[in-house]
Amino acid sequence: MESQSSNERDLRTPIREFIELLEGLLCIKYPLRPPIPTPETRKKPILKEVTKLIIGYHYLTSDRKIALDTTVYRWLELGPEDIPSADVILKGLTQPHIVNALATHGLATYRLPQMLPKEDIPSPIHISLTEPRTRYCLDGYEKQSYMFTASNIVQASIIIKTEANILAGALSYRIDYVIGKEGAPSTLPAASIPFKEPTNLSVLLYNALRPDLYSFRKQIDQLWKTLTQ
């Protein structure tokens, strides 16, 4: 027992405190190799998912020295492939059953939803697509709308990638528009098969907070009709 305490004292404080948290959660003791599954995860299977989420969250929100420390991985015999991605962690932390498990084990607290007042749709900023590839990044909390247009194109592809920012607790979106014109087709891997005839492209981008509201959908319809007349 004394050697185990000595091993823990040799660890950096954030790692030692995190190991103590895992010991209490899973009823195991560092540095002994825990059984798989542990007694607690056998009784409460959700703890296996919760454990991986909090390990991932811990490393993603820690400074570089702590994030590169492999002590917990070696102790629990985990590899990087066992830890969820930032996207999965962020989504998991919004799931009621996960939040309930975190709260009942003292790892998180419940918070009431932030009530939002009625907001009008912001006037779209017009952006003309003239380059073979245009990239735009949008933060999940950004309240803005954009109208992207391109004229006489024969190719069009839109690629959307979602990225999670654990520290901000929000998603961001990276949107690529790939276009080609007659005499100047796009050779990018993401380019579409050329159309038979040139056409125009109009894309309304709005970071919606209330897409299920009938009044919101009606506003969007009216805005689209106004912009495309």
C-alpha atoms as a PDB file:
ATOM      1  CA  MET A   1       0.000   0.000   0.000  1.00  0.00           C
ATOM      2  CA  GLU A   2       2.880   2.353   0.836  1.00  0.00           C
ATOM      3  CA  SER A   3       4.476   1.846  -2.595  1.00  0.00           C
ATOM      4  CA  GLN A   4       1.176   2.696  -4.274  1.00  0.00           C
ATOM      5  CA  SER A   5       0.928   5.969  -2.322  1.00  0.00           C
ATOM      6  CA  SER A   6       4.520   6.763  -3.286  1.00  0.00           C
ATOM      7  CA  ASN A   7       3.705   6.147  -6.942  1.00  0.00           C
ATOM      8  CA  GLU A   8       0.803   8.582  -6.755  1.00  0.00           C
ATOM      9  CA  ARG A   9       2.914  11.236  -5.017  1.00  0.00           C
ATOM     10  CA  ASP A  10       5.405  11.116  -7.900  1.00  0.00           C
ATOM     11  CA  LEU A  11       2.733  12.197 -10.405  1.00  0.00           C
ATOM     12  CA  ARG A  12       1.997  15.755 -11.488  1.00  0.00           C
ATOM     13  CA  THR A  13      -0.822  17.236  -9.421  1.00  0.00           C
ATOM     14  CA  PRO A  14      -3.451  17.351 -12.241  1.00  0.00           C
ATOM     15  CA  ILE A  15      -2.708  13.724 -13.179  1.00  0.00           C
ATOM     16  CA  ARG A  16      -2.760  12.577  -9.547  1.00  0.00           C
ATOM     17  CA  GLU A  17      -6.080  14.331  -8.909  1.00  0.00           C
ATOM     18  CA  PHE A  18      -7.569  12.860 -12.074  1.00  0.00           C
ATOM     19  CA  ILE A  19      -6.417   9.363 -11.105  1.00  0.00           C
ATOM     20  CA  GLU A  20      -8.011   9.825  -7.673  1.00  0.00           C
ATOM     21  CA  LEU A  21     -11.263  10.752  -9.421  1.00  0.00           C
ATOM     22  CA  LEU A  22     -11.101   7.592 -11.562  1.00  0.00           C
ATOM     23  CA  GLU A  23     -10.278   5.478  -8.506  1.00  0.00           C
ATOM     24  CA  GLY A  24     -13.421   6.702  -6.771  1.00  0.00           C
ATOM     25  CA  LEU A  25     -15.578   6.365  -9.869  1.00  0.00           C
ATOM     26  CA  LEU A  26     -14.506   2.837 -10.811  1.00  0.00           C
ATOM     27  CA  CYS A  27     -13.572   1.463  -7.354  1.00  0.00           C
ATOM     28  CA  ILE A  28     -10.033   0.643  -8.469  1.00  0.00           C
ATOM     29  CA  LYS A  29      -6.589   1.529  -7.129  1.00  0.00           C
ATOM     30  CA  TYR A  30      -3.594   2.980  -8.980  1.00  0.00           C
ATOM     31  CA  PRO A  31      -1.165   1.566 -10.084  1.00  0.00           C
ATOM     32  CA  LEU A  32      -2.740  -1.902  -9.924  1.00  0.00           C
ATOM     33  CA  ARG A  33      -4.089  -3.102 -13.269  1.00  0.00           C
ATOM     34  CA  PRO A  34      -7.889  -3.001 -12.970  1.00  0.00           C
ATOM     35  CA  PRO A  35     -10.012  -5.969 -14.062  1.00  0.00           C
ATOM     36  CA  ILE A  36     -11.941  -5.532 -17.307  1.00  0.00           C
ATOM     37  CA  PRO A  37     -14.766  -4.866 -16.789  1.00  0.00           C
ATOM     38  CA  THR A  38     -14.294  -3.331 -13.361  1.00  0.00           C
ATOM     39  CA  PRO A  39     -16.814  -4.213 -10.627  1.00  0.00           C
ATOM     40  CA  GLU A  40     -18.477  -0.813 -11.033  1.00  0.00           C
ATOM     41  CA  THR A  41     -18.756  -0.933 -14.838  1.00  0.00           C
ATOM     42  CA  ARG A  42     -20.195  -4.438 -14.525  1.00  0.00           C
ATOM     43  CA  LYS A  43     -22.938  -3.076 -12.247  1.00  0.00           C
ATOM     44  CA  LYS A  44     -23.309   0.204 -14.156  1.00  0.00           C
ATOM     45  CA  PRO A  45     -22.401  -0.299 -17.849  1.00  0.00           C
ATOM     46  CA  ILE A  46     -22.864   3.419 -18.576  1.00  0.00           C
ATOM     47  CA  LEU A  47     -19.729   4.140 -16.532  1.00  0.00           C
ATOM     48  CA  LYS A  48     -17.594   2.666 -19.311  1.00  0.00           C
ATOM     49  CA  GLU A  49     -18.881   5.321 -21.728  1.00  0.00           C
ATOM     50  CA  VAL A  50     -18.693   8.062 -19.097  1.00  0.00           C
ATOM     51  CA  THR A  51     -15.100   7.137 -18.217  1.00  0.00           C
ATOM     52  CA  LYS A  52     -13.917   7.442 -21.814  1.00  0.00           C
ATOM     53  CA  LEU A  53     -15.726  10.762 -22.207  1.00  0.00           C
ATOM     54  CA  ILE A  54     -14.178  12.298 -19.107  1.00  0.00           C
ATOM     55  CA  ILE A  55     -10.704  10.987 -19.990  1.00  0.00           C
ATOM     56  CA  GLY A  56     -11.008  12.563 -23.435  1.00  0.00           C
ATOM     57  CA  TYR A  57     -12.387  15.785 -21.957  1.00  0.00           C
ATOM     58  CA  HIS A  58      -9.582  15.911 -19.383  1.00  0.00           C
ATOM     59  CA  TYR A  59      -6.826  15.627 -21.967  1.00  0.00           C
ATOM     60  CA  LEU A  60      -8.463  17.956 -24.495  1.00  0.00           C
ATOM     61  CA  THR A  61      -8.883  20.725 -21.914  1.00  0.00           C
ATOM     62  CA  SER A  62      -5.500  20.367 -20.191  1.00  0.00           C
ATOM     63  CA  ASP A  63      -2.236  22.096 -21.039  1.00  0.00           C
ATOM     64  CA  ARG A  64       0.175  20.388 -23.418  1.00  0.00           C
ATOM     65  CA  LYS A  65       2.324  18.680 -20.754  1.00  0.00           C
ATOM     66  CA  ILE A  66      -0.721  17.065 -19.172  1.00  0.00           C
ATOM     67  CA  ALA A  67      -2.304  16.271 -22.539  1.00  0.00           C
ATOM     68  CA  LEU A  68       0.818  14.340 -23.572  1.00  0.00           C
ATOM     69  CA  ASP A  69       1.038  12.371 -20.313  1.00  0.00           C
ATOM     70  CA  THR A  70       0.287   8.681 -20.913  1.00  0.00           C
ATOM     71  CA  THR A  71      -0.026   7.571 -17.273  1.00  0.00           C
ATOM     72  CA  VAL A  72      -3.799   7.045 -17.357  1.00  0.00           C
ATOM     73  CA  TYR A  73      -3.635   5.313 -20.757  1.00  0.00           C
ATOM     74  CA  ARG A  74      -1.008   2.862 -19.499  1.00  0.00           C
ATOM     75  CA  TRP A  75      -2.794   2.256 -16.200  1.00  0.00           C
ATOM     76  CA  LEU A  76      -6.158   1.480 -17.810  1.00  0.00           C
ATOM     77  CA  GLU A  77      -4.536  -0.149 -20.860  1.00  0.00           C
ATOM     78  CA  LEU A  78      -6.212   2.250 -23.277  1.00  0.00           C
ATOM     79  CA  GLY A  79      -5.020   3.418 -26.664  1.00  0.00           C
ATOM     80  CA  PRO A  80      -5.809   6.697 -28.448  1.00  0.00           C
ATOM     81  CA  GLU A  81      -8.335   4.764 -30.539  1.00  0.00           C
ATOM     82  CA  ASP A  82     -10.316   4.022 -27.363  1.00  0.00           C
ATOM     83  CA  ILE A  83     -10.902   7.710 -26.605  1.00  0.00           C
ATOM     84  CA  PRO A  84     -13.773   9.515 -28.391  1.00  0.00           C
ATOM     85  CA  SER A  85     -13.089  12.400 -30.742  1.00  0.00           C
ATOM     86  CA  ALA A  86     -13.823  15.994 -29.728  1.00  0.00           C
ATOM     87  CA  ASP A  87     -17.066  15.888 -31.754  1.00  0.00           C
ATOM     88  CA  VAL A  88     -18.261  12.737 -29.975  1.00  0.00           C
ATOM     89  CA  ILE A  89     -17.291  14.124 -26.558  1.00  0.00           C
ATOM     90  CA  LEU A  90     -19.147  17.394 -27.124  1.00  0.00           C
ATOM     91  CA  LYS A  91     -22.269  15.593 -28.346  1.00  0.00           C
ATOM     92  CA  GLY A  92     -22.046  13.020 -25.548  1.00  0.00           C
ATOM     93  CA  LEU A  93     -21.939  15.720 -22.893  1.00  0.00           C
ATOM     94  CA  THR A  94     -25.332  16.974 -24.103  1.00  0.00           C
ATOM     95  CA  GLN A  95     -27.066  13.574 -23.884  1.00  0.00           C
ATOM     96  CA  PRO A  96     -29.518  13.345 -20.937  1.00  0.00           C
ATOM     97  CA  HIS A  97     -28.388   9.874 -19.834  1.00  0.00           C
ATOM     98  CA  ILE A  98     -24.735  10.970 -19.818  1.00  0.00           C
ATOM     99  CA  VAL A  99     -25.490  14.219 -17.979  1.00  0.00           C
ATOM    100  CA  ASN A 100     -27.537  12.255 -15.427  1.00  0.00           C
ATOM    101  CA  ALA A 101     -24.682   9.791 -14.847  1.00  0.00           C
ATOM    102  CA  LEU A 102     -22.166  12.637 -14.477  1.00  0.00           C
ATOM    103  CA  ALA A 103     -24.425  14.468 -12.025  1.00  0.00           C
ATOM    104  CA  THR A 104     -25.294  11.456  -9.859  1.00  0.00           C
ATOM    105  CA  HIS A 105     -21.583  10.619  -9.531  1.00  0.00           C
ATOM    106  CA  GLY A 106     -20.675  14.200  -8.626  1.00  0.00           C
ATOM    107  CA  LEU A 107     -18.764  14.885 -11.842  1.00  0.00           C
ATOM    108  CA  ALA A 108     -21.035  17.638 -13.139  1.00  0.00           C
ATOM    109  CA  THR A 109     -23.991  19.764 -12.115  1.00  0.00           C
ATOM    110  CA  TYR A 110     -27.307  20.335 -13.817  1.00  0.00           C
ATOM    111  CA  ARG A 111     -27.868  23.719 -15.409  1.00  0.00           C
ATOM    112  CA  LEU A 112     -31.135  25.190 -16.573  1.00  0.00           C
ATOM    113  CA  PRO A 113     -31.329  25.906 -20.319  1.00  0.00           C
ATOM    114  CA  GLN A 114     -30.573  29.489 -21.291  1.00  0.00           C
ATOM    115  CA  MET A 115     -33.823  31.054 -22.462  1.00  0.00           C
ATOM    116  CA  LEU A 116     -33.522  32.977 -25.723  1.00  0.00           C
ATOM    117  CA  PRO A 117     -35.643  35.999 -26.609  1.00  0.00           C
ATOM    118  CA  LYS A 118     -37.250  36.274 -30.022  1.00  0.00           C
ATOM    119  CA  GLU A 119     -34.693  37.375 -32.556  1.00  0.00           C
ATOM    120  CA  ASP A 120     -35.179  38.587 -36.097  1.00  0.00           C
ATOM    121  CA  ILE A 121     -33.241  36.986 -38.910  1.00  0.00           C
ATOM    122  CA  PRO A 122     -30.213  39.188 -39.638  1.00  0.00           C
ATOM    123  CA  SER A 123     -29.963  40.648 -43.132  1.00  0.00           C
ATOM    124  CA  PRO A 124     -27.755  38.385 -45.265  1.00  0.00           C
ATOM    125  CA  ILE A 125     -24.273  39.479 -46.265  1.00  0.00           C
ATOM    126  CA  HIS A 126     -23.811  38.880 -49.994  1.00  0.00           C
ATOM    127  CA  ILE A 127     -20.682  37.022 -51.094  1.00  0.00           C
ATOM    128  CA  SER A 128     -19.953  36.405 -54.783  1.00  0.00           C
ATOM    129  CA  LEU A 129     -18.109  33.164 -55.551  1.00  0.00           C
ATOM    130  CA  THR A 130     -15.493  33.926 -58.203  1.00  0.00           C
ATOM    131  CA  GLU A 131     -12.592  31.666 -57.243  1.00  0.00           C
ATOM    132  CA  PRO A 132     -12.374  27.928 -58.029  1.00  0.00           C
ATOM    133  CA  ARG A 133     -12.493  27.295 -54.286  1.00  0.00           C
ATOM    134  CA  THR A 134     -13.851  29.535 -51.528  1.00  0.00           C
ATOM    135  CA  ARG A 135     -13.643  28.558 -47.869  1.00  0.00           C
ATOM    136  CA  TYR A 136     -15.792  30.073 -45.153  1.00  0.00           C
ATOM    137  CA  CYS A 137     -15.702  29.279 -41.425  1.00  0.00           C
ATOM    138  CA  LEU A 138     -18.708  29.834 -39.178  1.00  0.00           C
ATOM    139  CA  ASP A 139     -18.771  29.563 -35.391  1.00  0.00           C
ATOM    140  CA  GLY A 140     -21.788  27.797 -33.940  1.00  0.00           C
ATOM    141  CA  TYR A 141     -22.749  30.802 -31.818  1.00  0.00           C
ATOM    142  CA  GLU A 142     -22.449  33.315 -34.683  1.00  0.00           C
ATOM    143  CA  LYS A 143     -25.775  35.011 -35.403  1.00  0.00           C
ATOM    144  CA  GLN A 144     -25.468  35.919 -39.065  1.00  0.00           C
ATOM    145  CA  SER A 145     -26.768  34.921 -42.479  1.00  0.00           C
ATOM    146  CA  TYR A 146     -24.972  34.890 -45.818  1.00  0.00           C
ATOM    147  CA  MET A 147     -26.031  34.707 -49.432  1.00  0.00           C
ATOM    148  CA  PHE A 148     -23.457  33.025 -51.664  1.00  0.00           C
ATOM    149  CA  THR A 149     -23.945  33.389 -55.425  1.00  0.00           C
ATOM    150  CA  ALA A 150     -22.127  32.330 -58.580  1.00  0.00           C
ATOM    151  CA  SER A 151     -23.054  32.970 -62.225  1.00  0.00           C
ATOM    152  CA  ASN A 152     -22.686  30.820 -65.341  1.00  0.00           C
ATOM    153  CA  ILE A 153     -21.047  27.854 -63.681  1.00  0.00           C
ATOM    154  CA  VAL A 154     -20.823  24.292 -64.960  1.00  0.00           C
ATOM    155  CA  GLN A 155     -19.618  22.686 -61.721  1.00  0.00           C
ATOM    156  CA  ALA A 156     -20.610  23.167 -58.086  1.00  0.00           C
ATOM    157  CA  SER A 157     -19.773  21.264 -54.914  1.00  0.00           C
ATOM    158  CA  ILE A 158     -20.361  22.236 -51.300  1.00  0.00           C
ATOM    159  CA  ILE A 159     -18.330  20.478 -48.610  1.00  0.00           C
ATOM    160  CA  ILE A 160     -19.237  21.029 -44.955  1.00  0.00           C
ATOM    161  CA  LYS A 161     -17.023  19.895 -42.083  1.00  0.00           C
ATOM    162  CA  THR A 162     -18.042  20.167 -38.436  1.00  0.00           C
ATOM    163  CA  GLU A 163     -15.409  20.705 -35.762  1.00  0.00           C
ATOM    164  CA  ALA A 164     -15.865  20.711 -31.982  1.00  0.00           C
ATOM    165  CA  ASN A 165     -14.292  23.258 -29.665  1.00  0.00           C
ATOM    166  CA  ILE A 166     -14.412  21.598 -26.252  1.00  0.00           C
ATOM    167  CA  LEU A 167     -13.108  24.663 -24.394  1.00  0.00           C
ATOM    168  CA  ALA A 168     -15.797  26.906 -25.892  1.00  0.00           C
ATOM    169  CA  GLY A 169     -18.420  24.170 -25.660  1.00  0.00           C
ATOM    170  CA  ALA A 170     -19.518  24.887 -29.216  1.00  0.00           C
ATOM    171  CA  LEU A 171     -19.284  23.627 -32.767  1.00  0.00           C
ATOM    172  CA  SER A 172     -17.751  25.415 -35.715  1.00  0.00           C
ATOM    173  CA  TYR A 173     -18.352  24.765 -39.393  1.00  0.00           C
ATOM    174  CA  ARG A 174     -15.946  24.889 -42.316  1.00  0.00           C
ATOM    175  CA  ILE A 175     -17.684  25.261 -45.650  1.00  0.00           C
ATOM    176  CA  ASP A 176     -15.936  24.918 -49.013  1.00  0.00           C
ATOM    177  CA  TYR A 177     -17.545  26.015 -52.283  1.00  0.00           C
ATOM    178  CA  VAL A 178     -15.922  24.478 -55.359  1.00  0.00           C
ATOM    179  CA  ILE A 179     -17.034  25.834 -58.749  1.00  0.00           C
ATOM    180  CA  GLY A 180     -16.003  25.541 -62.382  1.00  0.00           C
ATOM    181  CA  LYS A 181     -16.904  27.572 -65.463  1.00  0.00           C
ATOM    182  CA  GLU A 182     -16.896  26.957 -69.197  1.00  0.00           C
ATOM    183  CA  GLY A 183     -13.327  27.052 -70.413  1.00  0.00           C
ATOM    184  CA  ALA A 184     -12.067  26.929 -66.821  1.00  0.00           C
ATOM    185  CA  PRO A 185     -13.326  23.677 -65.278  1.00  0.00           C
ATOM    186  CA  SER A 186     -12.298  22.819 -61.762  1.00  0.00           C
ATOM    187  CA  THR A 187      -9.680  20.079 -61.450  1.00  0.00           C
ATOM    188  CA  LEU A 188      -9.952  19.837 -57.678  1.00  0.00           C
ATOM    189  CA  PRO A 189     -10.752  16.353 -56.298  1.00  0.00           C
ATOM    190  CA  ALA A 190     -13.994  17.664 -54.792  1.00  0.00           C
ATOM    191  CA  ALA A 191     -15.253  19.065 -58.110  1.00  0.00           C
ATOM    192  CA  SER A 192     -18.567  17.765 -59.405  1.00  0.00           C
ATOM    193  CA  ILE A 193     -19.259  16.265 -62.824  1.00  0.00           C
ATOM    194  CA  PRO A 194     -19.820  19.172 -65.266  1.00  0.00           C
ATOM    195  CA  PHE A 195     -23.421  20.171 -65.979  1.00  0.00           C
ATOM    196  CA  LYS A 196     -24.775  20.034 -69.520  1.00  0.00           C
ATOM    197  CA  GLU A 197     -25.543  23.755 -69.496  1.00  0.00           C
ATOM    198  CA  PRO A 198     -24.192  26.705 -67.482  1.00  0.00           C
ATOM    199  CA  THR A 199     -26.356  27.688 -64.534  1.00  0.00           C
ATOM    200  CA  ASN A 200     -26.455  30.140 -61.642  1.00  0.00           C
ATOM    201  CA  LEU A 201     -25.977  29.178 -58.003  1.00  0.00           C
ATOM    202  CA  SER A 202     -27.592  30.757 -54.944  1.00  0.00           C
ATOM    203  CA  VAL A 203     -26.947  29.461 -51.421  1.00  0.00           C
ATOM    204  CA  LEU A 204     -28.509  30.967 -48.300  1.00  0.00           C
ATOM    205  CA  LEU A 205     -26.459  30.150 -45.215  1.00  0.00           C
ATOM    206  CA  TYR A 206     -28.069  30.849 -41.862  1.00  0.00           C
ATOM    207  CA  ASN A 207     -26.961  29.519 -38.503  1.00  0.00           C
ATOM    208  CA  ALA A 208     -30.435  28.585 -37.242  1.00  0.00           C
ATOM    209  CA  LEU A 209     -31.285  28.544 -33.535  1.00  0.00           C
ATOM    210  CA  ARG A 210     -34.960  27.680 -33.913  1.00  0.00           C
ATOM    211  CA  PRO A 211     -35.494  25.690 -37.137  1.00  0.00           C
ATOM    212  CA  ASP A 212     -38.550  23.812 -35.807  1.00  0.00           C
ATOM    213  CA  LEU A 213     -40.589  26.983 -35.304  1.00  0.00           C
ATOM    214  CA  TYR A 214     -43.225  27.498 -37.976  1.00  0.00           C
ATOM    215  CA  SER A 215     -42.716  31.269 -37.788  1.00  0.00           C
ATOM    216  CA  PHE A 216     -38.982  30.789 -38.352  1.00  0.00           C
ATOM    217  CA  ARG A 217     -39.509  28.591 -41.412  1.00  0.00           C
ATOM    218  CA  LYS A 218     -41.967  31.137 -42.777  1.00  0.00           C
ATOM    219  CA  GLN A 219     -39.409  33.923 -42.311  1.00  0.00           C
ATOM    220  CA  ILE A 220     -36.786  31.889 -44.137  1.00  0.00           C
ATOM    221  CA  ASP A 221     -39.182  31.223 -47.031  1.00  0.00           C
ATOM    222  CA  GLN A 222     -39.958  34.922 -47.325  1.00  0.00           C
ATOM    223  CA  LEU A 223     -36.282  35.848 -47.142  1.00  0.00           C
ATOM    224  CA  TRP A 224     -35.405  33.325 -49.862  1.00  0.00           C
ATOM    225  CA  LYS A 225     -38.141  34.610 -52.167  1.00  0.00           C
ATOM    226  CA  THR A 226     -36.946  38.188 -51.669  1.00  0.00           C
ATOM    227  CA  LEU A 227     -33.322  37.320 -52.409  1.00  0.00           C
ATOM    228  CA  THR A 228     -34.026  35.230 -55.504  1.00  0.00           C
ATOM    229  CA  GLN A 229     -36.595  37.446 -57.221  1.00  0.00           C
END
